[in-house]
Amino acid sequence: MWLAKAMVNMLIADKVIDQSEMCYLEDALSLVESDEQRAALMETAKKREVSPMENLNTDRMYAGHFFYYLAMIVAADGKVKTSEVNYLMKICGKLGFPPRSAKDVLRWATDMVKLNKERGQMVEGFRHVSPLFADS
């Protein structure tokens, strides 16, 4: 439940759930076991009110993976907003990592946004390339 709750909070940190972020909401909902928990997460998402988080005391071996996964949510819509940065800093503390870790993860997320934009431009450019097939 911890990761699902953190994911929903990260999604609504900027008060908007972009279409490109909907798959993360679906992932968060699929992580919880009960309909009651799913309904609570959906209510949080609808109200756009970040719910309080506990420290992550279990699943420590996955904490780093969780952190980068949450950073991917920050980068999903192609923008890194101040509210998302602030929330990721809070999550860093809830994961038990030093503040410097958040800066490193945010740098990675920012780089990912740039790389995704570059990839999109390259893919768009390939649409206009006439086929030049190699002989086999």
N, C-alpha and C. Protein backbone atom coordinates (compact mmCIF):
# COMPACT_ATOMS: atom_id res chain seq x y z
N MET A 1 0.83 -1.20 0.00
CA MET A 1 0.00 0.00 0.00
C MET A 1 0.87 1.26 0.00
N TRP A 2 2.06 1.17 0.61
CA TRP A 2 2.93 2.35 0.70
C TRP A 2 3.23 2.90 -0.69
N LEU A 3 3.69 2.03 -1.59
CA LEU A 3 4.06 2.49 -2.93
C LEU A 3 2.84 3.03 -3.68
N ALA A 4 1.73 2.37 -3.61
CA ALA A 4 0.52 2.82 -4.30
C ALA A 4 0.12 4.22 -3.82
N LYS A 5 0.17 4.42 -2.52
CA LYS A 5 -0.19 5.72 -1.95
C LYS A 5 0.81 6.80 -2.39
N ALA A 6 2.10 6.46 -2.38
CA ALA A 6 3.13 7.41 -2.81
C ALA A 6 2.95 7.75 -4.29
N MET A 7 2.59 6.76 -5.09
CA MET A 7 2.37 7.00 -6.52
C MET A 7 1.22 7.98 -6.75
N VAL A 8 0.11 7.75 -6.08
CA VAL A 8 -1.04 8.64 -6.24
C VAL A 8 -0.67 10.04 -5.76
N ASN A 9 0.00 10.14 -4.62
CA ASN A 9 0.43 11.45 -4.12
C ASN A 9 1.34 12.15 -5.13
N MET A 10 2.26 11.41 -5.72
CA MET A 10 3.18 11.99 -6.70
C MET A 10 2.40 12.47 -7.92
N LEU A 11 1.41 11.69 -8.34
CA LEU A 11 0.59 12.08 -9.49
C LEU A 11 -0.17 13.37 -9.26
N ILE A 12 -0.62 13.59 -8.04
CA ILE A 12 -1.45 14.77 -7.77
C ILE A 12 -0.65 15.91 -7.13
N ALA A 13 0.65 15.75 -7.01
CA ALA A 13 1.47 16.81 -6.40
C ALA A 13 1.31 18.13 -7.14
N ASP A 14 1.11 18.08 -8.46
CA ASP A 14 0.93 19.30 -9.24
C ASP A 14 -0.54 19.62 -9.49
N LYS A 15 -1.43 18.88 -8.81
CA LYS A 15 -2.89 19.09 -8.87
C LYS A 15 -3.51 18.71 -10.21
N VAL A 16 -2.74 18.06 -11.08
CA VAL A 16 -3.25 17.66 -12.39
C VAL A 16 -2.74 16.25 -12.69
N ILE A 17 -3.63 15.39 -13.16
CA ILE A 17 -3.19 14.09 -13.65
C ILE A 17 -3.28 14.13 -15.17
N ASP A 18 -2.12 14.26 -15.79
CA ASP A 18 -2.01 14.34 -17.24
C ASP A 18 -2.35 12.98 -17.86
N GLN A 19 -2.81 13.00 -19.09
CA GLN A 19 -3.13 11.75 -19.79
C GLN A 19 -1.94 10.80 -19.81
N SER A 20 -0.73 11.36 -19.95
CA SER A 20 0.48 10.53 -19.99
C SER A 20 0.78 9.88 -18.65
N GLU A 21 0.10 10.31 -17.60
CA GLU A 21 0.32 9.76 -16.25
C GLU A 21 -0.74 8.74 -15.85
N MET A 22 -1.77 8.57 -16.68
CA MET A 22 -2.88 7.68 -16.32
C MET A 22 -2.43 6.23 -16.10
N CYS A 23 -1.45 5.79 -16.86
CA CYS A 23 -0.97 4.41 -16.69
C CYS A 23 -0.39 4.20 -15.29
N TYR A 24 0.19 5.26 -14.71
CA TYR A 24 0.73 5.16 -13.36
C TYR A 24 -0.40 5.07 -12.33
N LEU A 25 -1.50 5.77 -12.58
CA LEU A 25 -2.65 5.66 -11.69
C LEU A 25 -3.20 4.23 -11.74
N GLU A 26 -3.31 3.69 -12.93
CA GLU A 26 -3.78 2.30 -13.07
C GLU A 26 -2.84 1.33 -12.36
N ASP A 27 -1.53 1.57 -12.49
CA ASP A 27 -0.55 0.72 -11.79
C ASP A 27 -0.73 0.81 -10.28
N ALA A 28 -0.93 2.03 -9.79
CA ALA A 28 -1.11 2.22 -8.34
C ALA A 28 -2.33 1.46 -7.85
N LEU A 29 -3.42 1.56 -8.59
CA LEU A 29 -4.65 0.88 -8.19
C LEU A 29 -4.49 -0.64 -8.24
N SER A 30 -3.67 -1.13 -9.15
CA SER A 30 -3.47 -2.58 -9.25
C SER A 30 -2.59 -3.13 -8.13
N LEU A 31 -1.88 -2.26 -7.44
CA LEU A 31 -0.99 -2.71 -6.36
C LEU A 31 -1.72 -3.02 -5.06
N VAL A 32 -2.91 -2.48 -4.89
CA VAL A 32 -3.63 -2.69 -3.63
C VAL A 32 -4.55 -3.90 -3.74
N GLU A 33 -4.79 -4.53 -2.61
CA GLU A 33 -5.51 -5.80 -2.61
C GLU A 33 -7.02 -5.67 -2.46
N SER A 34 -7.48 -4.64 -1.77
CA SER A 34 -8.92 -4.57 -1.50
C SER A 34 -9.60 -3.45 -2.28
N ASP A 35 -10.89 -3.64 -2.51
CA ASP A 35 -11.69 -2.61 -3.18
C ASP A 35 -11.74 -1.35 -2.33
N GLU A 36 -11.74 -1.52 -1.02
CA GLU A 36 -11.77 -0.38 -0.11
C GLU A 36 -10.52 0.49 -0.27
N GLN A 37 -9.36 -0.15 -0.37
CA GLN A 37 -8.11 0.60 -0.57
C GLN A 37 -8.11 1.29 -1.93
N ARG A 38 -8.59 0.59 -2.95
CA ARG A 38 -8.68 1.19 -4.29
C ARG A 38 -9.58 2.42 -4.28
N ALA A 39 -10.71 2.30 -3.61
CA ALA A 39 -11.66 3.42 -3.53
C ALA A 39 -11.02 4.61 -2.80
N ALA A 40 -10.27 4.33 -1.75
CA ALA A 40 -9.61 5.40 -1.00
C ALA A 40 -8.57 6.11 -1.87
N LEU A 41 -7.82 5.34 -2.65
CA LEU A 41 -6.83 5.94 -3.55
C LEU A 41 -7.51 6.77 -4.63
N MET A 42 -8.61 6.27 -5.18
CA MET A 42 -9.34 7.02 -6.20
C MET A 42 -9.90 8.32 -5.64
N GLU A 43 -10.38 8.26 -4.41
CA GLU A 43 -10.90 9.47 -3.76
C GLU A 43 -9.79 10.50 -3.58
N THR A 44 -8.62 10.04 -3.17
CA THR A 44 -7.46 10.93 -3.03
C THR A 44 -7.13 11.57 -4.37
N ALA A 45 -7.14 10.77 -5.43
CA ALA A 45 -6.83 11.28 -6.76
C ALA A 45 -7.88 12.30 -7.22
N LYS A 46 -9.15 12.00 -6.97
CA LYS A 46 -10.22 12.92 -7.38
C LYS A 46 -10.15 14.25 -6.64
N LYS A 47 -9.87 14.18 -5.33
CA LYS A 47 -9.81 15.41 -4.52
C LYS A 47 -8.52 16.19 -4.74
N ARG A 48 -7.51 15.52 -5.30
CA ARG A 48 -6.20 16.16 -5.53
C ARG A 48 -5.57 16.65 -4.22
N GLU A 49 -5.82 15.90 -3.15
CA GLU A 49 -5.25 16.25 -1.85
C GLU A 49 -4.26 15.16 -1.44
N VAL A 50 -2.99 15.55 -1.33
CA VAL A 50 -1.94 14.60 -0.96
C VAL A 50 -2.23 14.06 0.44
N SER A 51 -2.20 12.74 0.57
CA SER A 51 -2.46 12.13 1.88
C SER A 51 -1.13 11.89 2.61
N PRO A 52 -1.17 11.91 3.94
CA PRO A 52 0.06 11.73 4.73
C PRO A 52 0.70 10.37 4.46
N MET A 53 2.02 10.36 4.49
CA MET A 53 2.79 9.13 4.25
C MET A 53 3.56 8.76 5.51
N GLU A 54 3.67 7.46 5.73
CA GLU A 54 4.49 6.94 6.81
C GLU A 54 5.91 6.71 6.27
N ASN A 55 6.85 6.54 7.19
CA ASN A 55 8.19 6.13 6.78
C ASN A 55 8.13 4.71 6.23
N LEU A 56 8.96 4.42 5.25
CA LEU A 56 9.00 3.07 4.69
C LEU A 56 9.91 2.21 5.56
N ASN A 57 9.30 1.44 6.44
CA ASN A 57 10.06 0.58 7.35
C ASN A 57 10.17 -0.85 6.84
N THR A 58 9.32 -1.22 5.90
CA THR A 58 9.37 -2.55 5.30
C THR A 58 9.85 -2.41 3.86
N ASP A 59 10.09 -3.49 3.20
CA ASP A 59 10.50 -3.47 1.79
C ASP A 59 11.75 -2.63 1.54
N ARG A 60 12.66 -2.59 2.51
CA ARG A 60 13.85 -1.75 2.38
C ARG A 60 14.69 -2.10 1.16
N MET A 61 14.69 -3.37 0.78
CA MET A 61 15.51 -3.75 -0.37
C MET A 61 14.98 -3.16 -1.68
N TYR A 62 13.74 -2.67 -1.66
CA TYR A 62 13.14 -2.08 -2.86
C TYR A 62 13.08 -0.55 -2.80
N ALA A 63 13.53 0.03 -1.71
CA ALA A 63 13.38 1.48 -1.51
C ALA A 63 14.00 2.29 -2.65
N GLY A 64 15.17 1.91 -3.10
CA GLY A 64 15.81 2.62 -4.21
C GLY A 64 15.01 2.50 -5.50
N HIS A 65 14.47 1.32 -5.75
CA HIS A 65 13.63 1.11 -6.94
C HIS A 65 12.38 1.98 -6.85
N PHE A 66 11.77 2.04 -5.67
CA PHE A 66 10.58 2.88 -5.47
C PHE A 66 10.90 4.34 -5.79
N PHE A 67 12.06 4.80 -5.30
CA PHE A 67 12.45 6.20 -5.47
C PHE A 67 12.56 6.55 -6.96
N TYR A 68 13.24 5.72 -7.72
CA TYR A 68 13.39 5.99 -9.15
C TYR A 68 12.07 5.83 -9.89
N TYR A 69 11.24 4.92 -9.46
CA TYR A 69 9.93 4.75 -10.09
C TYR A 69 9.09 6.01 -9.88
N LEU A 70 9.13 6.57 -8.67
CA LEU A 70 8.40 7.80 -8.40
C LEU A 70 8.96 8.96 -9.22
N ALA A 71 10.26 8.96 -9.44
CA ALA A 71 10.87 9.99 -10.29
C ALA A 71 10.40 9.85 -11.73
N MET A 72 10.14 8.64 -12.17
CA MET A 72 9.61 8.44 -13.52
C MET A 72 8.23 9.08 -13.66
N ILE A 73 7.46 9.07 -12.59
CA ILE A 73 6.15 9.73 -12.61
C ILE A 73 6.34 11.23 -12.78
N VAL A 74 7.34 11.78 -12.10
CA VAL A 74 7.64 13.21 -12.24
C VAL A 74 7.90 13.54 -13.71
N ALA A 75 8.63 12.68 -14.39
CA ALA A 75 9.04 12.93 -15.77
C ALA A 75 7.99 12.53 -16.81
N ALA A 76 6.94 11.84 -16.41
CA ALA A 76 5.99 11.25 -17.35
C ALA A 76 5.34 12.26 -18.29
N ASP A 77 5.01 13.43 -17.78
CA ASP A 77 4.32 14.42 -18.62
C ASP A 77 5.28 15.36 -19.35
N GLY A 78 6.58 15.09 -19.23
CA GLY A 78 7.56 15.90 -19.95
C GLY A 78 7.92 17.20 -19.28
N LYS A 79 7.44 17.40 -18.06
CA LYS A 79 7.73 18.62 -17.31
C LYS A 79 8.07 18.24 -15.88
N VAL A 80 9.03 18.94 -15.29
CA VAL A 80 9.35 18.74 -13.88
C VAL A 80 8.93 20.02 -13.16
N LYS A 81 7.85 19.91 -12.40
CA LYS A 81 7.28 21.09 -11.74
C LYS A 81 7.78 21.20 -10.30
N THR A 82 7.79 22.42 -9.79
CA THR A 82 8.27 22.68 -8.43
C THR A 82 7.52 21.86 -7.40
N SER A 83 6.21 21.74 -7.55
CA SER A 83 5.42 20.97 -6.58
C SER A 83 5.84 19.50 -6.59
N GLU A 84 6.19 18.98 -7.76
CA GLU A 84 6.64 17.59 -7.86
C GLU A 84 8.01 17.42 -7.23
N VAL A 85 8.88 18.39 -7.45
CA VAL A 85 10.21 18.37 -6.84
C VAL A 85 10.07 18.38 -5.32
N ASN A 86 9.23 19.26 -4.81
CA ASN A 86 9.02 19.35 -3.36
C ASN A 86 8.49 18.05 -2.79
N TYR A 87 7.56 17.43 -3.50
CA TYR A 87 7.02 16.17 -2.99
C TYR A 87 8.05 15.05 -3.05
N LEU A 88 8.84 15.02 -4.10
CA LEU A 88 9.88 13.99 -4.19
C LEU A 88 10.91 14.17 -3.07
N MET A 89 11.18 15.41 -2.68
CA MET A 89 12.08 15.67 -1.54
C MET A 89 11.48 15.09 -0.25
N LYS A 90 10.17 15.25 -0.07
CA LYS A 90 9.51 14.68 1.11
C LYS A 90 9.60 13.16 1.09
N ILE A 91 9.35 12.58 -0.07
CA ILE A 91 9.40 11.12 -0.21
C ILE A 91 10.80 10.62 0.09
N CYS A 92 11.80 11.37 -0.29
CA CYS A 92 13.19 11.01 0.00
C CYS A 92 13.36 10.77 1.49
N GLY A 93 12.81 11.67 2.30
CA GLY A 93 12.88 11.51 3.75
C GLY A 93 12.07 10.33 4.24
N LYS A 94 10.92 10.08 3.65
CA LYS A 94 10.08 8.95 4.05
C LYS A 94 10.73 7.62 3.68
N LEU A 95 11.58 7.64 2.67
CA LEU A 95 12.32 6.44 2.29
C LEU A 95 13.56 6.25 3.15
N GLY A 96 13.92 7.28 3.91
CA GLY A 96 15.08 7.19 4.79
C GLY A 96 16.40 7.50 4.10
N PHE A 97 16.33 8.20 2.97
CA PHE A 97 17.55 8.54 2.24
C PHE A 97 17.99 9.96 2.58
N PRO A 98 19.29 10.25 2.48
CA PRO A 98 19.77 11.61 2.73
C PRO A 98 19.26 12.57 1.65
N PRO A 99 19.08 13.85 1.99
CA PRO A 99 18.54 14.83 1.03
C PRO A 99 19.30 14.88 -0.30
N ARG A 100 20.60 14.66 -0.26
CA ARG A 100 21.40 14.69 -1.49
C ARG A 100 20.88 13.66 -2.51
N SER A 101 20.34 12.58 -2.01
CA SER A 101 19.80 11.53 -2.90
C SER A 101 18.71 12.08 -3.79
N ALA A 102 17.87 12.94 -3.24
CA ALA A 102 16.77 13.51 -4.02
C ALA A 102 17.31 14.35 -5.17
N LYS A 103 18.38 15.07 -4.93
CA LYS A 103 18.97 15.89 -6.00
C LYS A 103 19.49 15.01 -7.13
N ASP A 104 20.11 13.90 -6.76
CA ASP A 104 20.63 12.98 -7.78
C ASP A 104 19.49 12.36 -8.59
N VAL A 105 18.44 11.94 -7.90
CA VAL A 105 17.30 11.32 -8.58
C VAL A 105 16.58 12.35 -9.46
N LEU A 106 16.47 13.58 -8.98
CA LEU A 106 15.84 14.64 -9.78
C LEU A 106 16.67 14.97 -11.02
N ARG A 107 17.98 14.96 -10.88
CA ARG A 107 18.85 15.18 -12.04
C ARG A 107 18.59 14.09 -13.08
N TRP A 108 18.50 12.86 -12.62
CA TRP A 108 18.21 11.74 -13.51
C TRP A 108 16.85 11.93 -14.20
N ALA A 109 15.84 12.34 -13.44
CA ALA A 109 14.50 12.55 -14.00
C ALA A 109 14.51 13.67 -15.04
N THR A 110 15.23 14.74 -14.75
CA THR A 110 15.34 15.85 -15.68
C THR A 110 16.04 15.41 -16.97
N ASP A 111 17.10 14.62 -16.81
CA ASP A 111 17.79 14.08 -17.99
C ASP A 111 16.85 13.19 -18.80
N MET A 112 16.03 12.42 -18.11
CA MET A 112 15.09 11.54 -18.79
C MET A 112 14.07 12.35 -19.60
N VAL A 113 13.60 13.47 -19.04
CA VAL A 113 12.68 14.34 -19.77
C VAL A 113 13.34 14.83 -21.05
N LYS A 114 14.59 15.29 -20.94
CA LYS A 114 15.31 15.79 -22.12
C LYS A 114 15.49 14.68 -23.16
N LEU A 115 15.88 13.51 -22.71
CA LEU A 115 16.09 12.39 -23.63
C LEU A 115 14.79 11.97 -24.31
N ASN A 116 13.70 11.97 -23.56
CA ASN A 116 12.40 11.61 -24.15
C ASN A 116 11.98 12.62 -25.21
N LYS A 117 12.24 13.91 -24.96
CA LYS A 117 11.92 14.93 -25.96
C LYS A 117 12.77 14.74 -27.21
N GLU A 118 14.06 14.47 -26.99
CA GLU A 118 14.96 14.24 -28.12
C GLU A 118 14.52 13.02 -28.93
N ARG A 119 14.15 11.95 -28.23
CA ARG A 119 13.67 10.75 -28.90
C ARG A 119 12.42 11.06 -29.73
N GLY A 120 11.50 11.82 -29.14
CA GLY A 120 10.28 12.19 -29.85
C GLY A 120 10.57 12.97 -31.12
N GLN A 121 11.52 13.89 -31.04
CA GLN A 121 11.90 14.66 -32.22
C GLN A 121 12.53 13.77 -33.29
N MET A 122 13.36 12.83 -32.85
CA MET A 122 14.00 11.92 -33.80
C MET A 122 12.97 11.01 -34.47
N VAL A 123 12.05 10.49 -33.67
CA VAL A 123 11.01 9.62 -34.23
C VAL A 123 10.17 10.40 -35.24
N GLU A 124 9.84 11.63 -34.90
CA GLU A 124 9.08 12.47 -35.83
C GLU A 124 9.86 12.69 -37.12
N GLY A 125 11.16 12.91 -37.00
CA GLY A 125 12.01 13.09 -38.17
C GLY A 125 12.06 11.86 -39.06
N PHE A 126 12.03 10.68 -38.44
CA PHE A 126 12.07 9.43 -39.22
C PHE A 126 10.81 9.25 -40.07
N ARG A 127 9.74 9.91 -39.71
CA ARG A 127 8.51 9.81 -40.51
C ARG A 127 8.71 10.35 -41.92
N HIS A 128 9.65 11.27 -42.05
CA HIS A 128 9.86 11.96 -43.32
C HIS A 128 11.03 11.38 -44.12
N VAL A 129 11.61 10.31 -43.63
CA VAL A 129 12.75 9.69 -44.32
C VAL A 129 12.22 8.67 -45.33
N SER A 130 12.69 8.79 -46.55
CA SER A 130 12.33 7.80 -47.57
C SER A 130 13.10 6.52 -47.28
N PRO A 131 12.45 5.37 -47.43
CA PRO A 131 13.12 4.11 -47.14
C PRO A 131 14.36 3.91 -48.01
N LEU A 132 15.41 3.45 -47.42
CA LEU A 132 16.64 3.11 -48.11
C LEU A 132 17.06 1.76 -47.55
N PHE A 133 16.54 0.70 -48.16
CA PHE A 133 16.75 -0.64 -47.64
C PHE A 133 18.11 -1.18 -48.03
N ALA A 134 18.75 -1.85 -47.09
CA ALA A 134 20.05 -2.46 -47.35
C ALA A 134 19.85 -3.80 -48.04
N ASP A 135 20.74 -4.14 -48.93
CA ASP A 135 20.69 -5.45 -49.58
C ASP A 135 21.16 -6.49 -48.58
N SER A 136 20.46 -7.64 -48.58
CA SER A 136 20.89 -8.69 -47.66
C SER A 136 21.53 -9.84 -48.36
